[in-house]
Protein backbone atom coordinates (compact mmCIF):
# COMPACT_ATOMS: atom_id res chain seq x y z
CA MET A 1 0.00 0.00 0.00
CA ASN A 2 1.16 3.56 -0.61
CA ILE A 3 2.02 6.15 2.03
CA SER A 4 -1.42 7.78 2.08
CA ASP A 5 -3.13 4.45 2.71
CA ALA A 6 -0.60 3.66 5.46
CA ALA A 7 -1.23 7.12 6.94
CA LYS A 8 -4.99 6.57 7.02
CA ARG A 9 -4.67 3.12 8.57
CA SER A 10 -2.09 4.11 11.19
CA GLY A 11 -3.56 7.48 12.14
CA LEU A 12 -0.34 9.34 11.27
CA SER A 13 0.26 11.92 8.58
CA ALA A 14 2.38 11.06 5.57
CA LYS A 15 4.83 13.74 6.69
CA MET A 16 5.28 12.08 10.10
CA ILE A 17 5.72 8.68 8.45
CA ARG A 18 8.50 10.11 6.29
CA TYR A 19 10.08 11.64 9.41
CA TYR A 20 9.93 8.39 11.38
CA GLU A 21 11.49 6.60 8.44
CA SER A 22 14.27 9.22 8.24
CA VAL A 23 15.19 8.79 11.93
CA GLY A 24 15.27 5.02 11.60
CA LEU A 25 12.10 4.01 13.43
CA LEU A 26 10.86 2.14 10.39
CA GLY A 27 13.16 -0.56 9.18
CA GLY A 28 13.45 -1.17 5.49
CA VAL A 29 10.17 -0.04 4.03
CA GLY A 30 9.75 -1.69 0.68
CA ARG A 31 9.77 0.28 -2.54
CA SER A 32 7.76 -0.21 -5.69
CA GLU A 33 9.43 -0.45 -9.09
CA ALA A 34 8.73 3.27 -9.50
CA GLY A 35 10.53 4.00 -6.20
CA TYR A 36 7.46 4.76 -4.09
CA ARG A 37 7.24 3.46 -0.54
CA ASP A 38 5.31 0.20 -0.36
CA PHE A 39 3.93 -0.48 3.13
CA ASP A 40 2.60 -3.82 4.31
CA ALA A 41 0.46 -4.77 7.33
CA SER A 42 3.49 -5.11 9.62
CA ASP A 43 4.63 -1.58 8.70
CA VAL A 44 1.17 -0.23 9.55
CA ALA A 45 1.21 -2.10 12.86
CA LEU A 46 4.59 -0.55 13.68
CA LEU A 47 3.34 2.89 12.70
CA SER A 48 0.29 2.42 14.94
CA PHE A 49 2.60 1.47 17.81
CA ILE A 50 4.69 4.59 17.19
CA ARG A 51 1.56 6.76 17.18
CA TRP A 52 0.45 5.19 20.48
CA ALA A 53 3.91 5.74 22.01
CA ARG A 54 3.97 9.38 20.89
CA GLU A 55 0.50 9.89 22.40
CA LEU A 56 2.11 8.85 25.69
CA ASP A 57 4.72 11.57 25.05
CA LEU A 58 7.49 9.05 24.65
CA PRO A 59 10.35 10.78 22.86
CA VAL A 60 11.64 9.23 19.66
CA ALA A 61 14.85 8.14 21.43
CA ARG A 62 12.83 6.15 23.97
CA ILE A 63 10.73 4.59 21.23
CA VAL A 64 13.97 3.48 19.57
CA GLN A 65 15.08 1.93 22.89
CA ILE A 66 11.76 0.11 23.24
CA LEU A 67 11.85 -1.21 19.68
CA ARG A 68 15.45 -2.41 20.09
CA ALA A 69 14.59 -4.14 23.35
CA MET A 70 11.59 -5.81 21.73
CA VAL A 71 13.66 -7.00 18.75
CA HIS A 72 16.27 -8.51 21.09
CA GLY A 73 13.66 -10.03 23.41
CA GLU A 74 14.69 -7.77 26.29
CA ASP A 75 12.50 -6.29 29.00
CA VAL A 76 11.06 -2.88 28.08
CA GLY A 77 10.04 -2.26 31.68
CA PRO A 78 13.07 -0.12 32.64
CA VAL A 79 12.50 2.26 29.72
CA LEU A 80 8.80 2.58 30.49
CA ARG A 81 9.43 3.03 34.23
CA ALA A 82 11.92 5.82 33.48
CA HIS A 83 9.26 7.56 31.36
CA ALA A 84 6.66 7.05 34.09
CA GLU A 85 9.04 8.72 36.56
CA GLU A 86 9.44 11.71 34.24
CA ILE A 87 5.66 11.99 34.00
CA ARG A 88 5.42 11.84 37.82
CA ARG A 89 7.92 14.71 38.11
CA LEU A 90 6.04 16.76 35.52
CA VAL A 91 2.73 16.18 37.31
CA SER A 92 4.31 17.16 40.62
CA ASP A 93 5.74 20.36 39.11
CA LEU A 94 2.37 21.22 37.57
CA GLN A 95 0.61 20.62 40.89
CA ASP A 96 3.07 22.96 42.62
CA LYS A 97 2.46 25.63 39.97
CA ARG A 98 -1.30 25.18 40.30
CA LYS A 99 -1.09 25.67 44.07
CA THR A 100 0.93 28.85 43.57
CA VAL A 101 -1.51 30.25 41.02
CA LEU A 102 -4.50 29.44 43.22
CA ALA A 103 -2.81 31.05 46.24
CA LEU A 104 -2.12 34.20 44.21
CA ALA A 105 -5.71 34.24 42.96
CA THR A 106 -7.07 33.75 46.48
CA ASP A 107 -5.06 36.22 48.54
CA GLY A 108 -4.33 38.68 45.74
CA SER A 109 -0.69 39.10 46.72
CA PHE A 110 1.20 39.11 43.48
CA PRO A 111 4.99 39.08 43.91
CA LEU A 112 5.67 42.24 41.90
CA THR A 113 7.43 45.31 43.19
CA PRO A 114 6.77 48.79 41.78
CA GLU A 115 10.06 48.37 39.87
CA HIS A 116 8.72 45.22 38.18
CA LEU A 117 5.53 47.04 37.22
CA GLY A 118 7.54 49.91 35.75
CA VAL A 119 9.51 47.54 33.55
CA ILE A 120 6.33 45.78 32.41
CA GLN A 121 4.61 49.09 31.62
CA SER A 122 7.67 50.31 29.70
CA ARG A 123 7.84 47.15 27.60
CA ALA A 124 4.09 47.28 26.93
CA ARG A 125 4.42 50.92 25.80
CA ARG A 126 7.28 50.01 23.40
CA ALA A 127 5.30 47.04 22.07
CA ARG A 128 2.31 49.31 21.40
CA GLN A 129 4.58 51.76 19.57
CA ARG A 130 6.02 49.00 17.40
CA LEU A 131 2.53 47.72 16.67
CA ALA A 132 1.31 51.19 15.75
CA TRP A 133 4.19 51.57 13.29
CA SER A 134 3.92 48.10 11.83
CA GLU A 135 0.20 48.53 11.12
CA PRO A 136 -0.04 52.07 9.70
CA SER A 137 -3.30 53.94 9.58
CA ALA A 138 -5.11 54.60 6.31
CA SER A 139 -3.91 58.21 6.30
CA ALA A 140 -0.28 57.11 6.79
CA GLN A 141 -0.69 54.64 3.92
CA ALA A 142 -2.17 57.33 1.68
CA GLN A 143 0.66 59.75 2.52
CA TYR A 144 3.26 57.08 1.79
CA ARG A 145 1.64 56.29 -1.57
CA LEU A 146 1.72 59.96 -2.50
CA GLU A 147 5.40 60.15 -1.68
CA HIS A 148 6.57 56.73 -2.93
CA GLY A 149 4.04 55.45 -5.44
CA ASN A 150 1.65 52.50 -5.12
CA GLY A 151 4.04 49.93 -3.59
CA PHE A 152 3.21 50.55 0.08
CA ARG A 153 5.57 48.86 2.48
CA THR A 154 5.12 48.58 6.22
CA LEU A 155 6.67 51.44 8.17
CA ARG A 156 8.86 50.53 11.12
CA ALA A 157 9.62 52.75 14.08
CA SER A 158 13.25 53.24 14.96
CA LEU A 159 13.03 52.61 18.67
CA PRO A 160 16.04 52.86 20.98
């Protein structure tokens, strides 16, 4: 079957299939006489496994480790346990961040000094100036056309 059929059956895009092939996740995918990829049922099964592993946020390097272990009849448990530990750490970090955000929302004490606010206001003012110059008004566009012809180009402010 061709790459679009394999993509439909595996739930991956053709672009991702090409990528996974380029990084070595797919062994030797067959080729037709015309040089097109020719996938069989085992290729689609492998692609489905890769999609499942990526849905679990397994990085490509870990998927390679798992596939190698499976090919050699080794235990994939250590690789999966390492990934589970990373997920546990991420969840813990997110829970800590959630607690902080909820505490800030509850007691209203935001850890900003007047100096922080000044910096934020200054940056917001500069961003507004850049935006105003990058999206000129109709009158500025008309003036530019009068001076430079019809090829209007976006004006940019020269900010310090």
